[in-house]
Amino acid sequence: MTLAALPFCGLPASIPVIAVMGFVLGLGQPLTLSWVAGRARPGERGTALALRLTGNRLGQVVLPAAAGVTSVLGVFALSAVILAATGTLAVRAPMDEPR
């Protein structure tokens, strides 16, 4: 939500918004690493973590380049949409028991 609000904030309001955004986005990295490691089979954990890292790096390079063609606001809007879609998919993922 803070990522979607950032383009509409003025300079004074953007400082606390960025602080909250950095904290919340920083929580996702260790949580997804532990989630991927817990869901992967013991012999495939390295491959699963490498695939997660590759997707992350591609998103860091391709997403801003693709959205930056339109405008600076496009980067934040597209990032917000992708984070919302990923969150929706993560909530719907079956989490009954690790493999």
C-alpha atoms as a PDB file:
ATOM      1  CA  MET A   1       0.000   0.000   0.000  1.00  0.00           C
ATOM      2  CA  THR A   2       2.875   2.373   0.734  1.00  0.00           C
ATOM      3  CA  LEU A   3       4.348   1.695  -2.701  1.00  0.00           C
ATOM      4  CA  ALA A   4       1.072   2.689  -4.331  1.00  0.00           C
ATOM      5  CA  ALA A   5       0.840   5.830  -2.147  1.00  0.00           C
ATOM      6  CA  LEU A   6       4.388   7.011  -2.821  1.00  0.00           C
ATOM      7  CA  PRO A   7       3.733   8.766  -6.148  1.00  0.00           C
ATOM      8  CA  PHE A   8       0.976  10.838  -4.536  1.00  0.00           C
ATOM      9  CA  CYS A   9       2.973  11.989  -1.494  1.00  0.00           C
ATOM     10  CA  GLY A  10       4.783  15.257  -1.250  1.00  0.00           C
ATOM     11  CA  LEU A  11       8.408  15.436  -0.188  1.00  0.00           C
ATOM     12  CA  PRO A  12       7.783  15.739   3.595  1.00  0.00           C
ATOM     13  CA  ALA A  13       5.262  12.885   3.598  1.00  0.00           C
ATOM     14  CA  SER A  14       7.453  10.650   1.452  1.00  0.00           C
ATOM     15  CA  ILE A  15      10.097  10.199   4.171  1.00  0.00           C
ATOM     16  CA  PRO A  16       7.901   8.210   6.615  1.00  0.00           C
ATOM     17  CA  VAL A  17       6.245   6.400   3.701  1.00  0.00           C
ATOM     18  CA  ILE A  18       9.650   5.254   2.431  1.00  0.00           C
ATOM     19  CA  ALA A  19      10.682   4.226   5.959  1.00  0.00           C
ATOM     20  CA  VAL A  20       7.588   2.042   6.348  1.00  0.00           C
ATOM     21  CA  MET A  21       7.986   0.696   2.820  1.00  0.00           C
ATOM     22  CA  GLY A  22      11.626  -0.233   3.432  1.00  0.00           C
ATOM     23  CA  PHE A  23      10.790  -2.012   6.680  1.00  0.00           C
ATOM     24  CA  VAL A  24       7.884  -3.979   5.218  1.00  0.00           C
ATOM     25  CA  LEU A  25       9.696  -4.882   1.991  1.00  0.00           C
ATOM     26  CA  GLY A  26      12.733  -5.872   4.050  1.00  0.00           C
ATOM     27  CA  LEU A  27      10.632  -8.412   5.956  1.00  0.00           C
ATOM     28  CA  GLY A  28       9.699 -10.218   2.770  1.00  0.00           C
ATOM     29  CA  GLN A  29      13.208 -11.320   1.813  1.00  0.00           C
ATOM     30  CA  PRO A  30      14.016 -13.516   4.840  1.00  0.00           C
ATOM     31  CA  LEU A  31      10.428 -14.758   5.059  1.00  0.00           C
ATOM     32  CA  THR A  32      10.347 -15.898   1.440  1.00  0.00           C
ATOM     33  CA  LEU A  33      13.771 -17.515   1.755  1.00  0.00           C
ATOM     34  CA  SER A  34      12.616 -19.579   4.731  1.00  0.00           C
ATOM     35  CA  TRP A  35       9.306 -20.348   3.021  1.00  0.00           C
ATOM     36  CA  VAL A  36      11.010 -21.567  -0.175  1.00  0.00           C
ATOM     37  CA  ALA A  37      13.561 -23.606   1.799  1.00  0.00           C
ATOM     38  CA  GLY A  38      10.784 -25.168   3.876  1.00  0.00           C
ATOM     39  CA  ARG A  39       8.611 -26.032   0.874  1.00  0.00           C
ATOM     40  CA  ALA A  40      11.380 -27.502  -1.306  1.00  0.00           C
ATOM     41  CA  ARG A  41      12.474 -31.099  -1.122  1.00  0.00           C
ATOM     42  CA  PRO A  42      15.730 -31.538   0.822  1.00  0.00           C
ATOM     43  CA  GLY A  43      17.773 -32.343  -2.292  1.00  0.00           C
ATOM     44  CA  GLU A  44      16.292 -29.451  -4.279  1.00  0.00           C
ATOM     45  CA  ARG A  45      16.605 -26.576  -1.823  1.00  0.00           C
ATOM     46  CA  GLY A  46      19.588 -25.006  -3.561  1.00  0.00           C
ATOM     47  CA  THR A  47      17.831 -25.082  -6.922  1.00  0.00           C
ATOM     48  CA  ALA A  48      14.645 -23.614  -5.455  1.00  0.00           C
ATOM     49  CA  LEU A  49      16.537 -20.806  -3.717  1.00  0.00           C
ATOM     50  CA  ALA A  50      18.528 -20.075  -6.891  1.00  0.00           C
ATOM     51  CA  LEU A  51      15.315 -19.900  -8.914  1.00  0.00           C
ATOM     52  CA  ARG A  52      13.810 -17.508  -6.376  1.00  0.00           C
ATOM     53  CA  LEU A  53      16.917 -15.331  -6.495  1.00  0.00           C
ATOM     54  CA  THR A  54      16.941 -15.346 -10.305  1.00  0.00           C
ATOM     55  CA  GLY A  55      13.311 -14.227 -10.406  1.00  0.00           C
ATOM     56  CA  ASN A  56      14.097 -11.492  -7.908  1.00  0.00           C
ATOM     57  CA  ARG A  57      17.048 -10.194  -9.937  1.00  0.00           C
ATOM     58  CA  LEU A  58      15.078 -10.296 -13.184  1.00  0.00           C
ATOM     59  CA  GLY A  59      12.328  -8.305 -11.516  1.00  0.00           C
ATOM     60  CA  GLN A  60      14.833  -5.733 -10.304  1.00  0.00           C
ATOM     61  CA  VAL A  61      16.197  -5.218 -13.819  1.00  0.00           C
ATOM     62  CA  VAL A  62      13.288  -5.839 -16.186  1.00  0.00           C
ATOM     63  CA  LEU A  63      10.454  -4.246 -14.192  1.00  0.00           C
ATOM     64  CA  PRO A  64      11.932  -0.739 -13.882  1.00  0.00           C
ATOM     65  CA  ALA A  65      13.179  -0.833 -17.466  1.00  0.00           C
ATOM     66  CA  ALA A  66       9.749  -1.816 -18.791  1.00  0.00           C
ATOM     67  CA  ALA A  67       7.807   0.591 -16.600  1.00  0.00           C
ATOM     68  CA  GLY A  68      10.330   3.386 -17.027  1.00  0.00           C
ATOM     69  CA  VAL A  69       9.429   3.660 -20.681  1.00  0.00           C
ATOM     70  CA  THR A  70       6.136   5.256 -19.666  1.00  0.00           C
ATOM     71  CA  SER A  71       7.130   7.431 -16.697  1.00  0.00           C
ATOM     72  CA  VAL A  72       8.718   7.350 -13.268  1.00  0.00           C
ATOM     73  CA  LEU A  73       5.272   6.838 -11.738  1.00  0.00           C
ATOM     74  CA  GLY A  74       4.891   3.749 -13.925  1.00  0.00           C
ATOM     75  CA  VAL A  75       7.691   2.012 -12.015  1.00  0.00           C
ATOM     76  CA  PHE A  76       5.898   2.444  -8.698  1.00  0.00           C
ATOM     77  CA  ALA A  77       2.462   1.641 -10.100  1.00  0.00           C
ATOM     78  CA  LEU A  78       3.657  -1.522 -11.853  1.00  0.00           C
ATOM     79  CA  SER A  79       5.598  -2.609  -8.749  1.00  0.00           C
ATOM     80  CA  ALA A  80       2.474  -2.141  -6.614  1.00  0.00           C
ATOM     81  CA  VAL A  81       0.389  -4.206  -9.034  1.00  0.00           C
ATOM     82  CA  ILE A  82       2.948  -7.018  -9.144  1.00  0.00           C
ATOM     83  CA  LEU A  83       3.323  -7.063  -5.334  1.00  0.00           C
ATOM     84  CA  ALA A  84      -0.469  -7.245  -4.944  1.00  0.00           C
ATOM     85  CA  ALA A  85      -0.694 -10.088  -7.466  1.00  0.00           C
ATOM     86  CA  THR A  86       2.145 -11.968  -5.786  1.00  0.00           C
ATOM     87  CA  GLY A  87       0.535 -11.514  -2.378  1.00  0.00           C
ATOM     88  CA  THR A  88      -2.760 -12.849  -3.717  1.00  0.00           C
ATOM     89  CA  LEU A  89      -1.049 -15.901  -5.198  1.00  0.00           C
ATOM     90  CA  ALA A  90       0.889 -16.512  -1.971  1.00  0.00           C
ATOM     91  CA  VAL A  91      -2.292 -16.430   0.110  1.00  0.00           C
ATOM     92  CA  ARG A  92      -3.936 -18.968  -2.199  1.00  0.00           C
ATOM     93  CA  ALA A  93      -0.922 -21.317  -2.250  1.00  0.00           C
ATOM     94  CA  PRO A  94      -1.486 -24.604  -0.413  1.00  0.00           C
ATOM     95  CA  MET A  95       0.487 -24.585   2.822  1.00  0.00           C
ATOM     96  CA  ASP A  96      -0.742 -27.819   4.389  1.00  0.00           C
ATOM     97  CA  GLU A  97       2.615 -29.431   5.135  1.00  0.00           C
ATOM     98  CA  PRO A  98       6.216 -29.125   3.981  1.00  0.00           C
ATOM     99  CA  ARG A  99       7.670 -31.739   1.661  1.00  0.00           C
END
